Every structure is written in structure tokens, then in C-alpha cells.
Protein backbone atom coordinates (compact mmCIF):
# COMPACT_ATOMS: atom_id res chain seq x y z
CA MET A 1 115.63 115.59 26.98
CA ASP A 2 115.46 115.50 30.79
CA ASN A 3 112.29 115.45 32.85
CA GLY A 4 112.63 119.09 33.91
CA LYS A 5 112.51 120.34 30.33
CA ILE A 6 109.59 118.07 29.45
CA SER A 7 107.68 119.29 32.50
CA ALA A 8 108.37 122.93 31.59
CA GLN A 9 106.91 122.47 28.12
CA ILE A 10 103.76 120.77 29.42
CA THR A 11 103.37 123.62 31.94
CA LYS A 12 103.79 126.17 29.18
CA LEU A 13 101.03 124.49 27.19
CA ALA A 14 98.75 124.61 30.25
CA ASP A 15 99.49 128.32 30.72
CA LEU A 16 98.68 129.11 27.11
CA LEU A 17 95.48 127.07 27.18
CA GLU A 18 94.41 128.82 30.37
CA PHE A 19 94.94 132.18 28.72
CA GLN A 20 92.77 131.06 25.82
CA GLY A 21 90.04 129.98 28.24
CA ALA A 22 90.25 126.31 27.34
CA ASN A 23 88.51 123.50 29.21
CA SER A 24 89.52 123.66 32.89
CA PHE A 25 89.66 119.87 33.25
CA LYS A 26 92.12 119.68 30.36
CA ILE A 27 94.28 122.40 31.90
CA ARG A 28 94.33 120.65 35.29
CA ALA A 29 95.30 117.39 33.61
CA TYR A 30 98.30 119.06 31.97
CA ARG A 31 99.37 120.73 35.22
CA ARG A 32 99.11 117.48 37.13
CA GLY A 33 101.04 115.67 34.42
CA ALA A 34 103.77 118.32 34.49
CA ARG A 35 104.20 117.82 38.24
CA VAL A 36 104.32 114.04 37.90
CA ILE A 37 107.02 114.35 35.23
CA LYS A 38 109.10 116.81 37.25
CA ASP A 39 108.97 114.72 40.42
CA SER A 40 109.59 111.35 38.76
CA THR A 41 112.87 109.53 39.25
CA ASP A 42 112.34 107.64 35.98
CA SER A 43 113.43 109.09 32.65
CA PHE A 44 110.40 109.90 30.50
CA THR A 45 112.66 110.03 27.45
CA ALA A 46 113.76 106.46 28.14
CA ILE A 47 110.15 105.37 28.62
CA VAL A 48 109.07 106.89 25.29
CA ASN A 49 112.07 105.49 23.46
CA ASN A 50 111.32 102.04 24.85
CA ASP A 51 107.52 101.96 24.58
CA PRO A 52 105.35 105.13 24.66
CA SER A 53 102.31 103.11 25.72
CA GLN A 54 103.96 102.63 29.13
CA LEU A 55 103.24 106.30 29.88
CA LEU A 56 99.59 105.44 30.41
CA GLU A 57 100.55 103.12 33.26
CA ILE A 58 101.89 106.09 35.27
CA ASP A 59 99.44 107.58 37.76
CA GLY A 60 98.67 111.15 36.73
CA ILE A 61 99.51 110.73 33.04
CA GLY A 62 96.41 110.54 30.85
CA LYS A 63 96.08 109.97 27.14
CA GLY A 64 96.34 113.64 26.17
CA VAL A 65 99.42 114.29 28.29
CA ALA A 66 101.04 111.07 27.07
CA GLU A 67 100.53 112.13 23.45
CA LYS A 68 102.16 115.51 24.10
CA ILE A 69 105.12 113.94 25.91
CA THR A 70 105.66 111.49 23.07
CA GLN A 71 105.43 114.22 20.45
CA LEU A 72 107.87 116.43 22.35
CA ILE A 73 110.47 113.68 22.73
CA GLN A 74 110.13 112.34 19.21
CA ASP A 75 109.75 115.68 17.34
CA GLY A 76 111.51 118.06 19.71
CA GLU A 77 108.44 120.29 20.08
CA ILE A 78 104.71 120.33 20.84
CA ALA A 79 102.76 121.37 17.77
CA GLU A 80 99.87 122.82 19.81
CA ILE A 81 102.20 125.28 21.54
CA ASN A 82 103.39 126.54 18.16
CA ASP A 83 99.80 126.80 16.93
CA ILE A 84 98.75 128.90 19.93
CA LEU A 85 101.79 131.15 19.70
CA GLU A 86 100.82 132.03 16.12
CA THR A 87 97.87 133.91 17.61
CA VAL A 88 99.07 134.72 21.14
CA PRO A 89 102.41 136.46 21.89
CA PRO A 90 104.45 134.49 24.46
CA THR A 91 104.86 137.61 26.62
CA VAL A 92 101.20 137.45 27.68
CA LEU A 93 102.14 134.57 29.97
CA ASP A 94 103.76 137.16 32.24
CA ILE A 95 100.36 138.82 32.70
CA LEU A 96 98.89 135.56 34.00
CA ARG A 97 101.39 135.59 36.85
CA ILE A 98 100.03 138.78 38.40
CA PRO A 99 98.48 137.88 41.78
CA GLY A 100 94.70 137.90 41.66
CA LEU A 101 94.45 138.40 37.90
CA GLY A 102 92.70 135.38 36.41
CA PRO A 103 92.93 134.13 32.84
CA LYS A 104 89.59 135.68 31.80
CA LYS A 105 90.65 139.17 32.83
CA ALA A 106 94.11 138.67 31.33
CA ALA A 107 92.51 137.61 28.04
CA ALA A 108 90.21 140.65 28.13
CA LEU A 109 93.19 142.96 28.54
CA TYR A 110 94.86 141.38 25.53
CA GLN A 111 91.77 141.22 23.32
CA GLU A 112 90.32 144.65 24.09
CA LEU A 113 93.43 146.75 24.66
CA GLY A 114 96.06 144.71 22.86
CA ILE A 115 98.17 144.46 26.03
CA GLN A 116 100.96 141.93 25.57
CA THR A 117 103.57 142.85 28.16
CA LEU A 118 103.81 143.94 31.77
CA GLU A 119 105.22 147.27 30.61
CA GLN A 120 102.17 147.92 28.41
CA LEU A 121 99.88 146.89 31.26
CA GLN A 122 101.57 149.28 33.68
CA ALA A 123 101.21 152.17 31.22
CA ALA A 124 97.52 151.35 30.72
CA CYS A 125 96.94 151.33 34.48
CA GLU A 126 98.74 154.61 34.98
CA SER A 127 96.62 156.25 32.26
CA ASN A 128 93.40 154.83 33.83
CA GLU A 129 92.53 152.83 30.70
CA ILE A 130 91.94 149.61 32.60
CA GLN A 131 89.07 150.88 34.73
CA GLN A 132 87.16 151.79 31.57
CA LEU A 133 86.77 148.13 30.64
CA LYS A 134 83.68 146.18 31.59
CA GLY A 135 84.31 144.24 34.77
CA PHE A 136 87.30 146.39 35.78
CA ALA A 137 86.90 149.09 38.42
CA ALA A 138 89.34 151.68 39.73
CA LYS A 139 90.09 149.39 42.66
CA THR A 140 90.83 146.50 40.27
CA GLU A 141 93.12 148.74 38.26
CA GLN A 142 95.11 149.72 41.36
CA SER A 143 95.30 146.08 42.43
CA ILE A 144 96.71 145.14 39.01
CA LEU A 145 99.21 147.99 39.20
CA ASP A 146 100.37 146.79 42.63
CA GLY A 147 100.48 143.24 41.34
CA ILE A 148 102.80 144.12 38.46
CA SER A 149 105.60 145.15 40.80
CA ILE A 150 104.91 142.24 43.14
CA ALA A 151 105.02 139.79 40.22
CA ALA A 152 108.24 141.33 38.92
CA ALA A 153 109.85 141.00 42.35
CA ALA A 154 108.53 137.45 42.81
CA ASN A 155 110.03 136.40 39.50
CA GLU A 156 113.47 137.18 40.91
CA ARG A 157 114.06 134.10 43.02
CA ILE A 158 117.13 134.11 45.24
CA TYR A 159 119.37 131.25 46.31
CA TRP A 160 118.28 129.40 49.44
CA SER A 161 121.59 130.38 50.99
CA ASP A 162 120.81 134.09 50.51
CA ALA A 163 117.30 133.57 51.87
CA ASP A 164 118.86 131.85 54.88
CA GLU A 165 121.04 134.88 55.62
CA LEU A 166 118.02 137.17 55.29
CA ALA A 167 115.95 134.90 57.54
CA LEU A 168 118.65 135.03 60.22
CA SER A 169 118.70 138.83 60.04
CA LEU A 170 114.91 139.07 60.23
CA ARG A 171 114.77 136.60 63.12
CA THR A 172 117.35 138.60 65.06
CA HIS A 173 115.33 141.79 64.54
CA LEU A 174 111.94 140.29 65.39
CA GLU A 175 113.04 138.30 68.44
CA SER A 176 113.82 141.58 70.18
CA CYS A 177 110.08 142.31 70.16
CA GLN A 178 108.69 141.26 73.54
CA ALA A 179 105.18 140.85 72.12
CA ILE A 180 106.28 137.80 70.09
CA LYS A 181 105.92 134.48 71.91
CA ARG A 182 107.02 132.24 69.02
CA LEU A 183 108.40 132.80 65.53
CA GLU A 184 108.82 130.39 62.61
CA PHE A 185 109.59 130.69 58.90
CA ALA A 186 107.42 128.79 56.44
CA GLY A 187 107.06 128.42 52.66
CA SER A 188 109.62 127.16 50.19
CA TYR A 189 112.40 128.44 52.45
CA ARG A 190 111.41 126.04 55.21
CA ARG A 191 111.12 123.20 52.70
CA GLY A 192 114.67 123.91 51.55
CA ARG A 193 114.01 124.60 47.87
CA GLU A 194 117.21 125.66 46.13
CA THR A 195 115.70 129.06 45.21
CA VAL A 196 113.15 131.09 47.15
CA GLY A 197 110.63 133.60 45.77
CA ASP A 198 109.64 135.23 49.07
CA LEU A 199 109.80 134.65 52.81
CA ASP A 200 106.81 133.78 55.02
CA ILE A 201 107.02 134.49 58.74
CA LEU A 202 104.50 133.32 61.32
CA VAL A 203 104.44 134.73 64.84
CA ASP A 204 102.38 133.84 67.88
CA SER A 205 101.27 137.03 69.59
CA THR A 206 98.21 138.66 71.13
CA GLU A 207 99.52 142.12 70.25
CA ALA A 208 99.53 142.17 66.46
CA GLN A 209 99.83 145.94 66.13
CA MET A 210 102.94 146.06 68.29
CA VAL A 211 104.50 143.23 66.25
CA MET A 212 103.87 144.98 62.94
CA GLU A 213 105.17 148.29 64.24
CA HIS A 214 108.37 146.50 65.21
CA PHE A 215 108.49 144.71 61.83
CA ALA A 216 108.27 148.10 60.09
CA LYS A 217 111.48 149.16 61.85
CA TYR A 218 113.54 146.46 60.12
CA PRO A 219 116.69 148.33 59.02
CA ASP A 220 116.69 147.02 55.46
CA LEU A 221 113.01 147.77 54.81
CA GLU A 222 112.46 149.29 51.39
CA GLN A 223 108.67 149.51 51.19
CA VAL A 224 105.54 148.47 53.05
CA ILE A 225 103.38 146.76 50.41
CA VAL A 226 100.30 146.17 52.51
CA GLN A 227 99.35 146.16 56.19
CA GLY A 228 96.19 144.75 57.74
CA ASP A 229 95.07 143.67 61.18
CA THR A 230 97.16 140.49 61.29
CA LYS A 231 99.21 140.49 58.07
CA MET A 232 101.94 142.75 56.75
CA SER A 233 104.00 142.51 53.57
CA ILE A 234 107.19 144.44 52.96
CA ARG A 235 110.02 144.65 50.47
CA VAL A 236 113.59 144.46 51.66
CA GLY A 237 116.91 144.88 49.90
CA ASN A 238 116.46 144.49 46.17
CA SER A 239 112.64 144.37 46.25
CA PHE A 240 112.48 140.93 47.84
CA GLN A 241 109.11 140.33 49.50
CA VAL A 242 108.63 139.23 53.10
CA ASP A 243 105.17 138.39 54.48
CA LEU A 244 104.45 138.36 58.20
CA ARG A 245 101.31 136.87 59.74
CA VAL A 246 100.27 137.14 63.38
CA VAL A 247 98.50 133.93 64.43
CA GLU A 248 96.64 132.88 67.55
CA ALA A 249 98.31 130.23 69.69
CA ASP A 250 95.70 127.51 69.09
CA ALA A 251 96.11 127.90 65.32
CA PHE A 252 99.88 128.33 65.15
CA GLY A 253 100.69 124.74 64.22
CA ALA A 254 97.93 124.61 61.62
CA ALA A 255 99.12 127.89 60.07
CA LEU A 256 102.73 126.71 60.06
CA GLN A 257 101.75 123.49 58.32
CA TYR A 258 99.50 125.27 55.83
CA PHE A 259 101.94 128.03 54.85
CA THR A 260 104.90 125.65 54.70
CA GLY A 261 103.17 123.70 51.95
CA SER A 262 103.83 122.49 49.40
CA LYS A 263 100.54 123.10 47.61
CA ASP A 264 100.42 119.50 46.39
CA HIS A 265 101.19 118.17 49.87
CA ASN A 266 98.35 120.25 51.30
CA VAL A 267 95.92 119.08 48.61
CA GLU A 268 96.66 115.49 49.64
CA LEU A 269 96.14 116.37 53.30
CA ARG A 270 92.77 117.99 52.61
CA GLY A 271 91.66 114.90 50.71
CA ARG A 272 92.65 112.63 53.57
CA ALA A 273 90.88 114.91 56.04
CA ARG A 274 87.62 114.67 54.08
CA GLN A 275 87.84 110.88 54.12
CA LEU A 276 88.02 111.05 57.92
CA GLY A 277 85.12 113.46 58.24
CA LEU A 278 87.50 116.31 59.04
CA LYS A 279 88.32 119.72 57.64
CA ILE A 280 91.84 121.17 57.68
CA ASN A 281 92.92 124.74 56.97
CA GLU A 282 95.28 127.39 58.36
CA TYR A 283 93.10 127.78 61.45
CA GLY A 284 93.12 124.18 62.59
CA VAL A 285 91.64 120.71 62.15
CA PHE A 286 87.89 120.48 62.62
CA GLN A 287 85.47 117.61 63.09
CA VAL A 288 82.62 118.05 60.61
CA ASP A 289 79.11 116.98 61.55
CA GLY A 290 76.64 118.38 59.03
CA ASP A 291 76.91 122.15 59.30
CA GLN A 292 78.67 121.88 62.65
CA GLU A 293 82.50 122.19 62.80
CA THR A 294 84.32 121.44 66.04
CA TYR A 295 87.98 122.41 66.53
CA ILE A 296 90.08 119.40 67.53
CA ALA A 297 93.72 120.36 66.80
CA GLY A 298 96.02 123.10 65.55
CA ALA A 299 98.33 124.41 68.25
CA THR A 300 101.28 122.37 66.92
CA GLU A 301 102.14 120.65 63.66
CA ASP A 302 102.35 117.34 65.52
CA GLU A 303 98.72 117.75 66.57
CA VAL A 304 97.65 118.52 63.01
CA TYR A 305 99.28 115.44 61.52
CA GLN A 306 98.25 113.18 64.41
CA ALA A 307 94.62 114.17 63.86
CA LEU A 308 94.98 112.74 60.35
CA ALA A 309 96.78 109.61 61.63
CA LEU A 310 100.02 110.73 59.97
CA PRO A 311 103.56 111.37 61.19
CA CYS A 312 104.83 114.94 61.29
CA PHE A 313 106.80 114.95 58.04
CA ALA A 314 110.11 116.79 57.83
CA PRO A 315 109.44 120.02 55.87
CA GLU A 316 111.95 119.07 53.15
CA ILE A 317 109.92 116.06 51.99
CA ARG A 318 106.50 117.75 51.91
CA GLU A 319 106.22 117.69 48.11
CA ALA A 320 103.61 114.94 47.59
CA ARG A 321 106.27 112.71 46.06
CA ASN A 322 106.95 109.80 48.40
CA GLU A 323 106.07 110.95 51.90
CA PHE A 324 102.52 109.58 52.03
CA HIS A 325 103.62 106.23 50.62
CA TRP A 326 106.38 106.06 53.22
CA ALA A 327 103.83 106.82 55.92
CA THR A 328 101.58 104.02 54.71
CA GLU A 329 104.52 101.61 54.74
CA ASP A 330 105.75 102.93 58.10
CA SER A 331 109.09 103.65 56.44
CA ILE A 332 109.63 107.39 56.86
CA PRO A 333 113.39 107.88 56.41
CA GLU A 334 115.46 109.40 59.18
CA LEU A 335 116.93 112.17 57.04
CA ILE A 336 120.61 113.00 57.14
CA SER A 337 121.81 115.79 59.44
CA ALA A 338 124.90 117.97 59.28
CA ASP A 339 126.48 116.48 62.40
CA GLN A 340 126.70 113.07 60.68
CA ILE A 341 129.26 114.25 58.09
CA CYS A 342 132.73 112.89 58.90
CA GLY A 343 134.79 114.20 55.99
CA ASP A 344 134.89 116.67 53.11
CA LEU A 345 136.26 115.19 49.89
CA HIS A 346 136.42 118.14 47.47
CA MET A 347 138.38 121.35 48.08
CA HIS A 348 141.07 123.53 46.53
CA THR A 349 144.19 125.29 47.78
CA THR A 350 146.56 128.03 46.70
CA ALA A 351 148.25 125.46 44.46
CA THR A 352 145.48 126.18 41.93
CA ASP A 353 142.55 128.58 42.43
CA GLY A 354 142.08 128.28 46.20
CA LYS A 355 142.81 130.97 48.80
CA ALA A 356 144.27 128.87 51.63
CA SER A 357 147.09 126.39 52.10
CA ILE A 358 146.78 122.67 52.74
CA GLY A 359 147.46 123.14 56.43
CA GLU A 360 144.99 126.01 56.75
CA MET A 361 142.20 124.02 55.09
CA ALA A 362 142.98 121.02 57.30
CA ASP A 363 142.93 123.07 60.51
CA ALA A 364 139.67 124.76 59.51
CA ALA A 365 138.04 121.42 58.70
CA ARG A 366 139.24 119.92 61.99
CA ALA A 367 137.80 122.90 63.86
CA ARG A 368 134.47 122.16 62.22
CA GLY A 369 134.43 118.65 63.64
CA LEU A 370 135.57 116.72 60.55
CA ASN A 371 137.89 113.71 60.73
CA TYR A 372 139.36 113.81 57.23
CA ILE A 373 139.54 115.89 54.05
CA ALA A 374 140.78 115.34 50.52
CA ILE A 375 142.83 118.03 48.83
CA THR A 376 141.55 117.97 45.25
CA ASP A 377 143.10 120.78 43.23
CA HIS A 378 142.40 121.06 39.51
CA SER A 379 144.34 119.11 36.91
CA GLN A 380 146.37 120.70 34.13
CA ARG A 381 143.52 121.13 31.60
CA VAL A 382 142.05 123.91 33.74
CA THR A 383 144.73 126.41 32.82
CA VAL A 384 142.68 129.37 34.05
CA ALA A 385 142.98 127.86 37.56
CA ASN A 386 146.68 127.04 37.19
CA GLY A 387 145.86 123.34 37.09
CA LEU A 388 148.44 120.83 38.26
CA ASN A 389 150.57 118.78 35.90
CA THR A 390 152.10 115.48 36.98
CA GLU A 391 155.22 117.01 38.49
CA ARG A 392 153.41 119.61 40.60
CA LEU A 393 150.76 117.11 41.71
CA LEU A 394 153.28 114.55 42.91
CA ALA A 395 155.10 117.31 44.78
CA GLN A 396 151.85 118.30 46.47
CA TRP A 397 151.18 114.72 47.52
CA THR A 398 154.68 114.51 49.03
CA GLU A 399 153.86 117.64 51.02
CA ILE A 400 150.57 116.11 52.22
CA ASP A 401 152.46 113.02 53.44
CA ARG A 402 154.86 115.30 55.30
CA ILE A 403 152.04 117.30 56.95
CA ASN A 404 150.25 114.13 58.01
CA THR A 405 153.34 112.83 59.79
CA LEU A 406 153.72 116.13 61.67
CA ARG A 407 150.14 116.31 62.94
CA ASP A 408 149.62 115.23 66.53
CA ASP A 409 145.95 114.23 66.10
CA ASP A 410 143.98 111.58 64.24
CA PHE A 411 142.90 113.98 61.50
CA LEU A 412 143.75 112.68 58.01
CA ILE A 413 144.57 114.65 54.88
CA LEU A 414 144.01 112.59 51.73
CA LYS A 415 145.95 112.93 48.50
CA GLY A 416 143.41 113.78 45.84
CA ILE A 417 142.85 115.47 42.50
CA GLU A 418 139.90 116.89 40.57
CA CYS A 419 140.88 115.48 37.21
CA ASP A 420 139.19 116.75 34.08
CA ILE A 421 137.55 114.38 31.63
CA LEU A 422 138.97 115.65 28.36
CA GLU A 423 136.67 116.54 25.47
CA SER A 424 137.95 113.52 23.56
CA GLY A 425 137.21 111.18 26.49
CA PRO A 426 140.44 110.27 28.36
CA MET A 427 141.40 111.56 31.79
CA ASP A 428 143.61 114.64 32.00
CA LEU A 429 146.40 112.79 33.84
CA PRO A 430 147.90 109.35 33.17
CA ASP A 431 146.69 106.27 35.03
CA GLU A 432 150.10 105.67 36.57
CA VAL A 433 149.70 109.01 38.38
CA LEU A 434 146.05 108.59 39.34
CA GLU A 435 146.66 105.18 40.86
CA GLN A 436 148.88 106.83 43.49
CA ALA A 437 146.02 109.00 44.77
CA ASP A 438 143.81 108.31 47.75
CA TRP A 439 140.82 109.97 46.08
CA VAL A 440 140.21 110.83 42.41
CA ILE A 441 137.39 113.08 41.32
CA ALA A 442 136.49 113.17 37.62
CA SER A 443 134.70 116.22 36.25
CA VAL A 444 133.53 117.90 33.07
CA HIS A 445 134.55 121.54 32.75
CA PHE A 446 135.00 121.87 28.99
CA GLY A 447 133.04 120.73 25.95
CA GLN A 448 129.74 121.16 27.76
CA LYS A 449 127.90 121.84 24.51
CA GLN A 450 128.76 118.43 23.11
CA SER A 451 125.93 116.05 22.26
CA ILE A 452 124.22 114.05 24.96
CA GLN A 453 125.92 110.90 23.68
CA GLN A 454 129.39 112.47 23.79
CA ILE A 455 129.04 113.83 27.29
CA THR A 456 127.41 110.65 28.58
CA ASP A 457 130.20 108.55 27.06
CA ARG A 458 132.83 110.79 28.66
CA ILE A 459 131.29 110.44 32.12
CA THR A 460 130.53 106.71 31.93
CA GLY A 461 134.01 106.15 30.54
CA ALA A 462 135.49 107.93 33.55
CA LEU A 463 133.39 105.77 35.88
CA GLU A 464 134.86 102.70 34.21
CA ASN A 465 138.39 103.92 34.93
CA PRO A 466 139.66 101.83 37.88
CA HIS A 467 141.35 104.86 39.47
CA VAL A 468 138.35 107.21 39.43
CA ASP A 469 136.23 107.23 42.59
CA ILE A 470 133.52 109.80 41.92
CA ILE A 471 132.02 112.26 39.42
CA ALA A 472 131.88 115.85 40.63
CA HIS A 473 128.87 118.13 39.97
CA PRO A 474 127.53 115.55 37.50
CA THR A 475 125.25 117.79 35.38
CA GLY A 476 127.38 120.93 35.32
CA ARG A 477 124.53 123.31 36.06
CA LEU A 478 124.84 126.70 37.74
CA ILE A 479 121.46 127.68 39.18
CA ASN A 480 119.95 130.70 37.38
CA ARG A 481 123.20 131.08 35.42
CA ARG A 482 123.81 128.01 33.28
CA GLU A 483 121.62 125.11 32.25
CA ALA A 484 122.80 121.58 32.88
CA TYR A 485 124.58 120.00 29.94
CA GLU A 486 122.76 117.23 28.09
CA VAL A 487 123.56 113.94 29.79
CA ASP A 488 121.78 110.60 30.13
CA MET A 489 121.61 110.33 33.92
CA GLU A 490 120.12 106.84 33.76
CA ALA A 491 123.29 105.68 32.03
CA VAL A 492 125.44 107.55 34.55
CA PHE A 493 123.67 105.95 37.52
CA GLN A 494 123.96 102.53 35.90
CA ALA A 495 127.69 102.96 35.25
CA ALA A 496 128.27 104.19 38.80
CA LYS A 497 126.44 101.19 40.26
CA GLU A 498 128.16 98.64 38.02
CA ASN A 499 131.62 100.03 38.77
CA ARG A 500 131.04 100.64 42.51
CA LYS A 501 131.60 104.37 42.12
CA MET A 502 129.98 107.41 43.70
CA LEU A 503 128.35 110.65 42.60
CA GLU A 504 128.83 114.02 44.21
CA LEU A 505 126.23 116.34 45.61
CA ASN A 506 128.15 119.59 45.33
CA ALA A 507 127.03 121.77 48.24
CA ASN A 508 127.97 125.10 46.66
CA PRO A 509 124.60 126.94 46.70
CA VAL A 510 125.09 128.02 43.09
CA ARG A 511 125.48 124.39 42.03
CA LEU A 512 123.58 122.02 44.36
CA ASP A 513 124.38 119.42 41.75
CA LEU A 514 122.93 116.78 42.02
CA HIS A 515 119.46 118.29 42.40
CA ASP A 516 116.88 116.74 44.72
CA ILE A 517 115.25 114.43 42.16
CA HIS A 518 118.64 113.07 41.12
CA CYS A 519 119.39 112.44 44.81
CA ALA A 520 116.18 110.43 45.02
CA MET A 521 117.20 108.52 41.91
CA ALA A 522 120.56 107.67 43.48
CA ARG A 523 118.79 106.43 46.60
CA GLU A 524 116.49 104.18 44.61
CA ARG A 525 119.31 102.80 42.47
CA GLY A 526 121.72 102.17 45.33
CA VAL A 527 124.38 104.64 44.19
CA PRO A 528 126.26 106.25 47.11
CA ILE A 529 126.34 110.04 47.31
CA VAL A 530 129.17 112.16 48.69
CA ILE A 531 128.24 115.65 49.86
CA SER A 532 131.23 117.93 49.29
CA SER A 533 131.86 121.63 49.81
CA ASP A 534 134.10 122.25 46.77
CA ALA A 535 135.61 124.91 49.03
CA HIS A 536 138.08 127.38 47.55
CA LYS A 537 138.67 129.15 50.87
CA ILE A 538 138.23 128.42 54.57
CA THR A 539 134.73 129.88 54.80
CA GLY A 540 133.79 127.79 51.77
CA LEU A 541 133.75 124.75 54.06
CA ASP A 542 130.57 126.12 55.63
CA VAL A 543 128.44 125.51 52.52
CA MET A 544 128.12 121.86 53.55
CA LYS A 545 124.79 122.71 55.24
CA TYR A 546 123.27 123.62 51.87
CA GLY A 547 124.17 120.23 50.49
CA ILE A 548 122.61 118.61 53.57
CA LYS A 549 119.38 120.51 52.93
CA GLN A 550 119.34 119.32 49.30
CA ALA A 551 120.06 115.73 50.33
CA ARG A 552 117.15 115.82 52.78
CA ARG A 553 114.84 116.95 49.97
CA GLY A 554 115.96 113.87 48.06
CA GLY A 555 115.06 111.65 51.04
CA LEU A 556 118.67 110.70 51.80
CA THR A 557 119.67 109.22 55.13
CA SER A 558 123.18 108.78 56.51
CA ASP A 559 123.21 105.31 54.94
CA HIS A 560 122.93 106.86 51.46
CA VAL A 561 125.77 109.36 52.00
CA ALA A 562 129.22 107.80 51.96
CA ASN A 563 131.09 110.53 53.84
CA THR A 564 129.05 109.94 56.98
CA ARG A 565 131.44 107.00 57.43
CA SER A 566 135.05 106.82 58.52
CA TRP A 567 137.59 106.94 55.74
CA HIS A 568 138.32 103.23 56.26
CA ASP A 569 134.65 102.29 55.87
CA LEU A 570 134.19 104.57 52.88
CA GLN A 571 137.14 102.90 51.14
CA SER A 572 135.55 99.50 51.64
CA MET A 573 132.46 100.69 49.75
CA LEU A 574 134.65 101.34 46.71
CA SER A 575 136.74 98.19 46.89
CA GLY A 576 133.88 95.86 47.61
């Protein structure tokens, strides 16, 4: 069981306990533990299997959380969750996610009106039943009704890539407003999370009304949710929420820092501010002297962090994982940037399921500033993609040699293959063929429901093959579409390190596989990452920027990413 699933179960327990009105300290302990588990680069399953008592040595994991983790890993479930769900329907958790509706009110709705679902709650609001309850007024009822639709929309998170397109459109629209002096996006979008629940926009302006009137003219506006003096929320497209805040110039940096988050990062900042006799919020940094507060910083993010004797962290690493430790050690990494990528080592052509020829992909990559690419069409097992058998593959490689000799530049096309790891373990093509390649990718496309041991053995076995260079999309996940297959990533990292092999960060925004925590694990274990587009058409080469964003969230620098090097230098990493 991977850390993400363990964390989700601990979070679920906290949600259920909160609904029941359990001890708040206990609930906070579970929530903190869930975050520690999710952000950890160590396998909690491995820790429990080795010695469960070691859990108590981890900061943020107390006795109660450790017991639940151990029970979950050893028994496959948490008994307390099952006990609660015998008396509380699981659908009531949706009610807790309505903005502004606390657990006490949610419990009252369930206990007094038997409301278990958002649909039942909406019907009760529309029939004015809610306002009849003690502690619920007509205004509360309307707020709940508004919150139901907001919660439903917020639950539909979109890919970061889609949020990026929307952000570009919104920026183009807003920048035509002369009342706006500065505009920045914040929230999870700015931090580069792989999915985004809403967009936060901050603008510097002294004419808030003019800004909001212009915002309301956005062509794709579906509904104005709320509008105040300095804040406006709208829905666009398929009910996606966008929040705009108009901020004064001397508070712009503080607001940008605050609304960028993450929540855990900001909690740490507030704690550090208190230790320095300061107060920090969205309006600025203030010196506190008794009841007196004096503004000292806030116009820029640099000012805010400098006031706390901290560097201005890149947004992608503001997750309260490693950034404060790095700051203490004066070792903040210089995160990788898109212009450092020299080559793209995973793409497909018309020979299998691609839409462009070898030459067309090469020309497009060269135009994007790359120095080399690998053509890596599918092997024969992927029949749905017209995978290549030995004869067709060797013919393709002959054609690549021919094209390389005809080119009048230094751009290099490598002879590659994305070779399936068969369900029974061996590679899809014989070693005597693979040894002729410049670059061999091994991947799992079939048998993804096999046991964790089977899939792990297939992948580690491929890494032990002398002709395999890298594992593509190592966990097989498709974000919001397909869960990752069960695989022991500790074993995969170990096999990659021992055999001097690499792991791919697939930049396709639906994959982003490896995820950010796995990228951090690779960094810590010294396993090189290759960021690849897995392009199936010319425009597919442009997804590289999404992989860069994910790599930055994992704290990767150019040193950790192999394809920031020349092809000659990258080869030397494999050969030793």
C-alpha cells in the first residue's frame, strides 16, 4: 500500500470523527499525520513491515496515528472507520465540504432532518426546512444552498494544463483593463499542483469597481457568484470558479504570498513570525509591541520573506516539506527550468500511433531548441498501436541512420524503442535487437492488475536487463482516470540505482508520472530522472513544460535531470 492511500484513509477517519464531534486535538493529530505520510519520501509500508515502533520516531506521527497506520497495513483496513460507518453513511462527508458549514451544523442536519446527501440538503433548503432548525436562519439556509453548488464545482478539479490555458485567457482579458497596475495568479495553480480546484487572481488597482466591471465582461463568464467591494467570484466554462481580489499596492506581496499558500507553508510562516515578535497576514508583516502593530513589509513577496529572515521560496516548493530545512542549511535548490532541457527521449511517429513522420518530429524538436530526440515507437505487444516487430523496427532504424546523414546541422535523431515488459516478465523484443538501439525504454501497458510482487518483479527485471536504459511512466497512473498499479517503488528506485538506470517523468498532463513525491525520492536516492514528452504529434512536444513544473515541485535541479546534458554526457551516466 503506497503512502497516498494510507494518507487518504487517515484523512477519512479524521473527517468522520469531525462529523461525530470528536475531540479536536485528536482530529488535528490525524490530519497532521495524514499530511506527514503523504509528503514523506519513505515508504510507510516498508517501515511497518520492518519495525512498526519506528513510526513513533517520525515527527508528526503520534501513538494513535501510528496504531492506525500499522492496523491499516497489516489488516488492510482501519476498524474504527468501519465502526463509524455502521452509524454514519459515508455520503455525509460531502456535506462537510460545503464552505462555511462546520461539523456541528452538518451533524445537526443529519441528526434532526436525516440529511445524508447533497441532493437531500438542496431539497431541504429549497423547501425552507433548514431555517426552521435551531441555530439556522434564512440567511444561513441561502448560504448553504449557494455552498452546495460551489462545493460541487470545487470537487471537479481540472488538470494544471487546462488551468494554465484558462489563466492565459483570463490574463489576456484583464490586462486590457487600464485600471490594473499589476496582475498575478495565486493558489494551487501558482504552486503547480497537477490538478487545480479554482483560480485565484490578485490585482493591484485603486479602482476596484472598474476592475470588477471589466472582469464581468469576460466572454466565457457563466455566472457571478458573489461581488463585494474588493472581491468577485465567477464561474466560467463548465462551472469552474475564479476568484478575483483587488489589493492595495503596499499589501500586494503579502496577499500574493498568503493566497499562494500552501496552508501548511503559511502555518509555518506564522509560527516563525510569532517567534520574531511579528504578525503576518494577507495585509502585510507587522511588528507587534503589546497592542500596537506597526506595518514593516508587504509590497513584494521578497519583502515579506526577508522580514522573516527567509529566502523567497519558489512557489512550487511551498508545501512545508523541505523548504524550511533547506533555508536553515542555506541549501535552497536552484530548480530546473525549461530552457535547460537539451533533448526529448520519448515520442512516437506514424510507424505506430503517432501523427507525424520521423523527419517532421525532428524538425519540430529542432525548432523548439532541442539538440537531440529519440524515436521510441511501441513494440509489437501493443497491437492496438500497430506496434513494431523486429523487421519493421530494424527498417525504421535504417531510415533514421539515413536521415541523420542527410541533415546539415548538429541535431541528432536516436534509434529507440518503447519496449513492453510482457506480463510474464521478459522484454517484448529479443536482446540481440535491443542491443542495437541507442535508447531503450521499458514500460508496462498490460497486466496492470497483477499483484504488487508481480509488477515490481517485472519492472526490476527490466532494469536489470543490460539493454534497457529507462522505465517509462513508472506507476502507470492516469490522473482522475486510472489509479496507479500496485508497485514497490522503493524496490524500483533501488534497482535503478544499482543498475545505473533512469526513471521517466512523463510530461503528459494526464500522466505526470512520476508524481512530485516520487521525484523527491529519486533526488534523495541519486536516481537520474528524464523528463519526456511522450509526444504522439508535433504539438505534443510542447507538454514538456508540464513535466518541468512537476519536477520543480519535487525539488529537482538540472543536475537531477539527465536530459539537461548533451547526448554524449547522458550516455556516460549510463555506462559509468
